[in-house]
N, C-alpha and C. Protein backbone atom coordinates (compact mmCIF):
# COMPACT_ATOMS: atom_id res chain seq x y z
N UNK A 1 19.93 -0.98 -37.16
CA UNK A 1 19.47 -0.43 -35.90
C UNK A 1 19.88 -1.36 -34.77
N UNK A 2 20.58 -0.84 -33.81
CA UNK A 2 21.06 -1.64 -32.69
C UNK A 2 19.92 -1.93 -31.72
N UNK A 3 19.92 -3.15 -31.17
CA UNK A 3 18.89 -3.52 -30.20
C UNK A 3 19.13 -2.83 -28.87
N UNK A 4 18.08 -2.63 -28.14
CA UNK A 4 18.18 -2.00 -26.83
C UNK A 4 18.39 -3.06 -25.78
N UNK A 5 19.54 -3.01 -25.12
CA UNK A 5 19.85 -3.97 -24.06
C UNK A 5 19.98 -3.21 -22.75
N UNK A 6 19.43 -3.78 -21.70
CA UNK A 6 19.50 -3.14 -20.39
C UNK A 6 20.23 -4.06 -19.43
N UNK A 7 21.06 -3.47 -18.63
CA UNK A 7 21.81 -4.19 -17.62
C UNK A 7 20.82 -4.79 -16.61
N UNK A 8 21.01 -6.04 -16.23
CA UNK A 8 20.10 -6.71 -15.29
C UNK A 8 20.02 -5.97 -13.96
N UNK A 9 21.15 -5.48 -13.48
CA UNK A 9 21.17 -4.74 -12.21
C UNK A 9 20.33 -3.48 -12.31
N UNK A 10 20.44 -2.78 -13.44
CA UNK A 10 19.64 -1.58 -13.64
C UNK A 10 18.15 -1.95 -13.68
N UNK A 11 17.82 -3.03 -14.37
CA UNK A 11 16.44 -3.48 -14.46
C UNK A 11 15.87 -3.80 -13.07
N UNK A 12 16.64 -4.51 -12.26
CA UNK A 12 16.19 -4.85 -10.90
C UNK A 12 15.95 -3.57 -10.10
N UNK A 13 16.87 -2.62 -10.20
CA UNK A 13 16.71 -1.37 -9.45
C UNK A 13 15.50 -0.57 -9.93
N UNK A 14 15.27 -0.55 -11.23
CA UNK A 14 14.11 0.17 -11.77
C UNK A 14 12.81 -0.49 -11.30
N UNK A 15 12.75 -1.82 -11.38
CA UNK A 15 11.55 -2.54 -10.92
C UNK A 15 11.33 -2.30 -9.43
N UNK A 16 12.39 -2.37 -8.64
CA UNK A 16 12.27 -2.15 -7.20
C UNK A 16 11.83 -0.72 -6.87
N UNK A 17 12.36 0.25 -7.60
CA UNK A 17 11.96 1.64 -7.38
C UNK A 17 10.49 1.84 -7.75
N UNK A 18 10.09 1.31 -8.89
CA UNK A 18 8.69 1.40 -9.30
C UNK A 18 7.77 0.71 -8.28
N UNK A 19 8.19 -0.46 -7.80
CA UNK A 19 7.39 -1.18 -6.81
C UNK A 19 7.25 -0.36 -5.54
N UNK A 20 8.32 0.28 -5.11
CA UNK A 20 8.26 1.12 -3.92
C UNK A 20 7.30 2.29 -4.12
N UNK A 21 7.42 2.97 -5.27
CA UNK A 21 6.54 4.11 -5.54
C UNK A 21 5.07 3.68 -5.62
N UNK A 22 4.82 2.55 -6.24
CA UNK A 22 3.45 2.04 -6.33
C UNK A 22 2.94 1.63 -4.95
N UNK A 23 3.81 1.05 -4.12
CA UNK A 23 3.43 0.70 -2.75
C UNK A 23 3.04 1.95 -1.97
N UNK A 24 3.81 3.03 -2.10
CA UNK A 24 3.47 4.28 -1.42
C UNK A 24 2.12 4.81 -1.91
N UNK A 25 1.88 4.75 -3.22
CA UNK A 25 0.60 5.19 -3.77
C UNK A 25 -0.55 4.31 -3.25
N UNK A 26 -0.30 3.01 -3.13
CA UNK A 26 -1.33 2.09 -2.62
C UNK A 26 -1.66 2.40 -1.16
N UNK A 27 -0.64 2.62 -0.36
CA UNK A 27 -0.85 2.96 1.05
C UNK A 27 -1.58 4.30 1.16
N UNK A 28 -1.16 5.27 0.35
CA UNK A 28 -1.77 6.59 0.39
C UNK A 28 -3.25 6.54 -0.01
N UNK A 29 -3.56 5.85 -1.09
CA UNK A 29 -4.96 5.78 -1.53
C UNK A 29 -5.80 4.97 -0.54
N UNK A 30 -5.21 3.94 0.04
CA UNK A 30 -5.95 3.17 1.06
C UNK A 30 -6.23 3.99 2.30
N UNK A 31 -5.24 4.78 2.73
CA UNK A 31 -5.45 5.65 3.90
C UNK A 31 -6.49 6.71 3.60
N UNK A 32 -6.48 7.24 2.38
CA UNK A 32 -7.49 8.23 2.02
C UNK A 32 -8.88 7.61 2.04
N UNK A 33 -9.00 6.40 1.53
CA UNK A 33 -10.29 5.73 1.54
C UNK A 33 -10.77 5.49 2.97
N UNK A 34 -9.87 5.17 3.85
CA UNK A 34 -10.23 4.88 5.24
C UNK A 34 -10.56 6.13 6.03
N UNK A 35 -9.76 7.19 5.86
CA UNK A 35 -9.88 8.34 6.74
C UNK A 35 -10.53 9.57 6.11
N UNK A 36 -10.25 9.86 4.85
CA UNK A 36 -10.82 11.06 4.22
C UNK A 36 -12.16 10.78 3.56
N UNK A 37 -12.32 9.59 3.02
CA UNK A 37 -13.57 9.22 2.34
C UNK A 37 -14.10 7.90 2.92
N UNK A 38 -14.48 7.90 4.19
CA UNK A 38 -14.93 6.65 4.82
C UNK A 38 -16.26 6.17 4.24
N UNK A 39 -16.64 4.97 4.61
CA UNK A 39 -17.94 4.44 4.19
C UNK A 39 -19.03 5.44 4.55
N UNK A 40 -20.03 5.50 3.70
CA UNK A 40 -21.17 6.41 3.89
C UNK A 40 -20.73 7.87 3.96
N UNK A 41 -19.68 8.21 3.22
CA UNK A 41 -19.21 9.60 3.22
C UNK A 41 -20.02 10.47 2.28
N UNK A 42 -21.01 9.86 1.65
CA UNK A 42 -21.95 10.64 0.83
C UNK A 42 -21.31 11.29 -0.36
N UNK A 43 -21.50 12.61 -0.46
CA UNK A 43 -21.05 13.34 -1.64
C UNK A 43 -19.66 13.93 -1.49
N UNK A 44 -18.91 13.50 -0.48
CA UNK A 44 -17.55 14.00 -0.30
C UNK A 44 -16.67 13.53 -1.46
N UNK A 45 -15.72 14.37 -1.82
CA UNK A 45 -14.82 14.03 -2.93
C UNK A 45 -13.43 14.61 -2.66
N UNK A 46 -12.43 13.96 -3.21
CA UNK A 46 -11.06 14.46 -3.18
C UNK A 46 -10.61 14.57 -4.64
N UNK A 47 -10.16 15.76 -5.02
CA UNK A 47 -9.77 16.05 -6.40
C UNK A 47 -10.87 15.69 -7.39
N UNK A 48 -12.12 15.90 -6.99
CA UNK A 48 -13.26 15.67 -7.86
C UNK A 48 -13.69 14.22 -8.00
N UNK A 49 -13.10 13.33 -7.21
CA UNK A 49 -13.45 11.90 -7.29
C UNK A 49 -14.00 11.43 -5.96
N UNK A 50 -15.08 10.62 -6.03
CA UNK A 50 -15.70 10.12 -4.81
C UNK A 50 -15.03 8.82 -4.36
N UNK A 51 -15.57 8.24 -3.29
CA UNK A 51 -14.99 7.03 -2.69
C UNK A 51 -14.90 5.89 -3.69
N UNK A 52 -15.93 5.70 -4.49
CA UNK A 52 -15.94 4.56 -5.43
C UNK A 52 -14.90 4.75 -6.53
N UNK A 53 -14.75 5.96 -7.01
CA UNK A 53 -13.74 6.21 -8.04
C UNK A 53 -12.34 6.01 -7.47
N UNK A 54 -12.11 6.49 -6.25
CA UNK A 54 -10.81 6.27 -5.61
C UNK A 54 -10.60 4.78 -5.33
N UNK A 55 -11.67 4.06 -5.03
CA UNK A 55 -11.56 2.62 -4.82
C UNK A 55 -11.10 1.91 -6.09
N UNK A 56 -11.61 2.36 -7.24
CA UNK A 56 -11.17 1.80 -8.52
C UNK A 56 -9.68 2.07 -8.75
N UNK A 57 -9.26 3.30 -8.46
CA UNK A 57 -7.84 3.65 -8.61
C UNK A 57 -6.99 2.81 -7.67
N UNK A 58 -7.45 2.65 -6.42
CA UNK A 58 -6.72 1.85 -5.44
C UNK A 58 -6.57 0.40 -5.93
N UNK A 59 -7.62 -0.13 -6.53
CA UNK A 59 -7.57 -1.50 -7.06
C UNK A 59 -6.56 -1.62 -8.20
N UNK A 60 -6.53 -0.64 -9.10
CA UNK A 60 -5.58 -0.67 -10.21
C UNK A 60 -4.14 -0.54 -9.70
N UNK A 61 -3.94 0.33 -8.72
CA UNK A 61 -2.61 0.47 -8.13
C UNK A 61 -2.18 -0.85 -7.49
N UNK A 62 -3.11 -1.50 -6.80
CA UNK A 62 -2.80 -2.78 -6.15
C UNK A 62 -2.43 -3.84 -7.17
N UNK A 63 -3.13 -3.87 -8.30
CA UNK A 63 -2.79 -4.82 -9.36
C UNK A 63 -1.41 -4.52 -9.94
N UNK A 64 -1.09 -3.24 -10.11
CA UNK A 64 0.24 -2.87 -10.61
C UNK A 64 1.31 -3.34 -9.63
N UNK A 65 1.05 -3.20 -8.34
CA UNK A 65 2.01 -3.65 -7.33
C UNK A 65 2.19 -5.17 -7.41
N UNK A 66 1.10 -5.90 -7.60
CA UNK A 66 1.17 -7.35 -7.73
C UNK A 66 2.02 -7.74 -8.94
N UNK A 67 1.83 -7.07 -10.06
CA UNK A 67 2.61 -7.36 -11.27
C UNK A 67 4.09 -7.06 -11.03
N UNK A 68 4.38 -5.90 -10.43
CA UNK A 68 5.78 -5.54 -10.17
C UNK A 68 6.44 -6.52 -9.21
N UNK A 69 5.73 -6.98 -8.20
CA UNK A 69 6.29 -7.95 -7.27
C UNK A 69 6.51 -9.30 -7.96
N UNK A 70 5.64 -9.65 -8.88
CA UNK A 70 5.83 -10.89 -9.64
C UNK A 70 7.08 -10.80 -10.51
N UNK A 71 7.27 -9.65 -11.17
CA UNK A 71 8.48 -9.45 -11.97
C UNK A 71 9.71 -9.48 -11.06
N UNK A 72 9.62 -8.86 -9.89
CA UNK A 72 10.73 -8.87 -8.94
C UNK A 72 11.11 -10.30 -8.58
N UNK A 73 10.12 -11.13 -8.28
CA UNK A 73 10.41 -12.52 -7.93
C UNK A 73 11.00 -13.29 -9.12
N UNK A 74 10.50 -13.03 -10.33
CA UNK A 74 11.06 -13.68 -11.51
C UNK A 74 12.51 -13.29 -11.73
N UNK A 75 12.84 -12.03 -11.48
CA UNK A 75 14.22 -11.58 -11.63
C UNK A 75 15.15 -12.20 -10.59
N UNK A 76 14.59 -12.65 -9.49
CA UNK A 76 15.39 -13.28 -8.43
C UNK A 76 15.16 -14.79 -8.35
N UNK A 77 14.67 -15.37 -9.43
CA UNK A 77 14.34 -16.80 -9.45
C UNK A 77 15.57 -17.67 -9.21
N UNK A 78 16.71 -17.29 -9.75
CA UNK A 78 17.93 -18.07 -9.55
C UNK A 78 18.30 -18.13 -8.07
N UNK A 79 18.23 -16.97 -7.39
CA UNK A 79 18.50 -16.94 -5.95
C UNK A 79 17.50 -17.81 -5.19
N UNK A 80 16.25 -17.73 -5.56
CA UNK A 80 15.21 -18.51 -4.87
C UNK A 80 15.49 -20.00 -5.02
N UNK A 81 15.85 -20.42 -6.24
CA UNK A 81 16.17 -21.83 -6.47
C UNK A 81 17.38 -22.27 -5.64
N UNK A 82 18.43 -21.45 -5.64
CA UNK A 82 19.62 -21.79 -4.85
C UNK A 82 19.29 -21.87 -3.36
N UNK A 83 18.48 -20.96 -2.89
CA UNK A 83 18.12 -20.95 -1.48
C UNK A 83 17.28 -22.17 -1.11
N UNK A 84 16.40 -22.59 -2.01
CA UNK A 84 15.54 -23.74 -1.73
C UNK A 84 16.32 -25.05 -1.66
N UNK A 85 17.42 -25.13 -2.41
CA UNK A 85 18.22 -26.36 -2.38
C UNK A 85 19.39 -26.25 -1.41
N UNK A 86 19.45 -25.15 -0.67
CA UNK A 86 20.47 -25.01 0.37
C UNK A 86 21.84 -24.58 -0.11
N UNK A 87 21.93 -23.97 -1.27
CA UNK A 87 23.23 -23.57 -1.82
C UNK A 87 23.46 -22.06 -1.75
N UNK A 88 22.70 -21.37 -0.94
CA UNK A 88 22.86 -19.91 -0.82
C UNK A 88 24.05 -19.60 0.07
N UNK A 89 24.69 -18.46 -0.17
CA UNK A 89 25.83 -18.03 0.65
C UNK A 89 25.32 -17.53 2.01
N UNK A 90 26.25 -17.20 2.90
CA UNK A 90 25.88 -16.73 4.23
C UNK A 90 25.01 -15.49 4.20
N UNK A 91 25.42 -14.50 3.38
CA UNK A 91 24.63 -13.27 3.27
C UNK A 91 23.27 -13.57 2.64
N UNK A 92 23.24 -14.45 1.65
CA UNK A 92 21.98 -14.80 1.01
C UNK A 92 21.06 -15.53 1.99
N UNK A 93 21.64 -16.36 2.87
CA UNK A 93 20.83 -17.05 3.88
C UNK A 93 20.20 -16.05 4.84
N UNK A 94 20.97 -15.01 5.20
CA UNK A 94 20.43 -13.95 6.06
C UNK A 94 19.26 -13.25 5.38
N UNK A 95 19.43 -12.92 4.10
CA UNK A 95 18.35 -12.27 3.34
C UNK A 95 17.14 -13.19 3.23
N UNK A 96 17.39 -14.47 3.00
CA UNK A 96 16.30 -15.43 2.90
C UNK A 96 15.54 -15.52 4.22
N UNK A 97 16.26 -15.60 5.34
CA UNK A 97 15.61 -15.65 6.65
C UNK A 97 14.77 -14.40 6.88
N UNK A 98 15.32 -13.24 6.56
CA UNK A 98 14.57 -11.99 6.71
C UNK A 98 13.33 -12.00 5.83
N UNK A 99 13.45 -12.48 4.61
CA UNK A 99 12.31 -12.57 3.70
C UNK A 99 11.24 -13.51 4.21
N UNK A 100 11.65 -14.66 4.76
CA UNK A 100 10.68 -15.62 5.30
C UNK A 100 9.96 -15.03 6.51
N UNK A 101 10.71 -14.35 7.39
CA UNK A 101 10.09 -13.72 8.56
C UNK A 101 9.07 -12.67 8.11
N UNK A 102 9.44 -11.84 7.15
CA UNK A 102 8.52 -10.82 6.64
C UNK A 102 7.29 -11.46 5.98
N UNK A 103 7.50 -12.54 5.24
CA UNK A 103 6.39 -13.25 4.61
C UNK A 103 5.43 -13.80 5.66
N UNK A 104 5.96 -14.40 6.71
CA UNK A 104 5.10 -14.94 7.78
C UNK A 104 4.30 -13.81 8.43
N UNK A 105 4.97 -12.68 8.70
CA UNK A 105 4.26 -11.54 9.30
C UNK A 105 3.16 -11.04 8.37
N UNK A 106 3.47 -10.91 7.08
CA UNK A 106 2.46 -10.47 6.12
C UNK A 106 1.28 -11.44 6.05
N UNK A 107 1.57 -12.73 6.05
CA UNK A 107 0.48 -13.72 6.01
C UNK A 107 -0.38 -13.64 7.26
N UNK A 108 0.25 -13.48 8.41
CA UNK A 108 -0.51 -13.34 9.66
C UNK A 108 -1.39 -12.10 9.64
N UNK A 109 -0.84 -10.99 9.15
CA UNK A 109 -1.63 -9.77 9.04
C UNK A 109 -2.78 -9.93 8.05
N UNK A 110 -2.52 -10.62 6.95
CA UNK A 110 -3.56 -10.82 5.94
C UNK A 110 -4.66 -11.74 6.45
N UNK A 111 -4.31 -12.71 7.27
CA UNK A 111 -5.30 -13.66 7.78
C UNK A 111 -6.02 -13.16 9.02
N UNK A 112 -5.46 -12.19 9.72
CA UNK A 112 -6.04 -11.72 10.99
C UNK A 112 -7.52 -11.34 10.87
N UNK A 113 -7.94 -10.57 9.86
CA UNK A 113 -9.37 -10.23 9.79
C UNK A 113 -10.28 -11.45 9.59
N UNK A 114 -9.73 -12.50 8.99
CA UNK A 114 -10.54 -13.69 8.72
C UNK A 114 -10.73 -14.58 9.93
N UNK A 115 -9.87 -14.45 10.93
CA UNK A 115 -10.00 -15.28 12.13
C UNK A 115 -10.46 -14.47 13.33
N UNK A 116 -10.62 -13.15 13.14
CA UNK A 116 -11.10 -12.30 14.23
C UNK A 116 -12.58 -12.59 14.47
N UNK A 117 -13.02 -12.51 15.73
CA UNK A 117 -14.44 -12.75 16.01
C UNK A 117 -15.32 -11.67 15.39
N UNK A 118 -16.49 -12.09 14.91
CA UNK A 118 -17.45 -11.17 14.34
C UNK A 118 -18.45 -10.82 15.44
N UNK A 119 -18.62 -9.52 15.66
CA UNK A 119 -19.55 -9.08 16.71
C UNK A 119 -20.60 -8.17 16.10
N UNK A 120 -21.67 -7.99 16.81
CA UNK A 120 -22.74 -7.12 16.35
C UNK A 120 -22.37 -5.68 16.69
N UNK A 121 -22.60 -4.79 15.73
CA UNK A 121 -22.31 -3.38 15.93
C UNK A 121 -23.48 -2.77 16.67
N UNK A 122 -23.23 -2.25 17.87
CA UNK A 122 -24.31 -1.71 18.68
C UNK A 122 -24.55 -0.22 18.44
N UNK A 123 -23.90 0.35 17.42
CA UNK A 123 -24.10 1.78 17.14
C UNK A 123 -25.36 2.03 16.34
N UNK A 124 -25.87 1.04 15.63
CA UNK A 124 -27.12 1.12 14.87
C UNK A 124 -27.22 2.36 13.99
N UNK A 125 -26.34 2.44 13.01
CA UNK A 125 -26.44 3.49 12.01
C UNK A 125 -25.98 4.86 12.46
N UNK A 126 -25.15 4.94 13.46
CA UNK A 126 -24.67 6.25 13.91
C UNK A 126 -23.65 6.83 12.95
N UNK A 127 -23.24 6.09 11.95
CA UNK A 127 -22.28 6.60 10.98
C UNK A 127 -20.87 6.19 11.31
N UNK A 128 -19.98 6.76 10.57
CA UNK A 128 -18.56 6.44 10.68
C UNK A 128 -18.04 6.74 12.07
N UNK A 129 -17.50 5.73 12.71
CA UNK A 129 -16.90 5.85 14.04
C UNK A 129 -17.82 6.58 15.02
N UNK A 130 -19.06 6.11 15.09
CA UNK A 130 -19.99 6.68 16.04
C UNK A 130 -20.45 8.08 15.70
N UNK A 131 -20.38 8.45 14.43
CA UNK A 131 -20.84 9.75 14.02
C UNK A 131 -19.75 10.80 14.00
N UNK A 132 -18.54 10.45 14.39
CA UNK A 132 -17.43 11.40 14.39
C UNK A 132 -16.70 11.31 13.06
N UNK A 133 -16.41 12.42 12.47
CA UNK A 133 -15.63 12.43 11.24
C UNK A 133 -16.43 12.80 10.01
N UNK A 134 -17.73 12.59 10.02
CA UNK A 134 -18.57 12.97 8.89
C UNK A 134 -19.72 13.78 9.45
N UNK A 135 -19.91 14.97 8.94
CA UNK A 135 -20.99 15.82 9.39
C UNK A 135 -22.29 15.32 8.80
N UNK A 136 -23.10 14.66 9.60
CA UNK A 136 -24.35 14.07 9.10
C UNK A 136 -25.54 14.99 9.33
N UNK A 137 -25.36 16.08 10.06
CA UNK A 137 -26.48 16.96 10.37
C UNK A 137 -26.78 17.92 9.23
N UNK A 138 -25.85 17.98 8.26
CA UNK A 138 -26.09 18.84 7.10
C UNK A 138 -25.71 20.29 7.36
N UNK A 139 -25.14 20.62 8.49
CA UNK A 139 -24.81 22.02 8.71
C UNK A 139 -23.82 22.25 9.70
């Protein structure tokens, strides 16, 4: 029985495609949690699942994305090593610069909620976005 061998280029493309699809699913489920099933959305459901069930799915999708990105980085470890020691080609240096800029932007976005000022909510239980978006009157 012959062993199954896969071309490295094909593997990179498959991992990148899967990562993109998982990223789209992560963004989609996150947007649904924010806009279709907001906090205190009560008994609302999408496809028979409530906010907490969708939150679990969103978490699993996020973990899958983390794993795929880790594999992506491992597949590009040689390039990363060459870039760190300054032996990357001109095109590789451009890609590295673009990657560093994107990483800095992502880190800033990730840290923004942690350095933003915390204020008191003066709506006092009016519900999601001041009561707009969820029918709280029951009718």
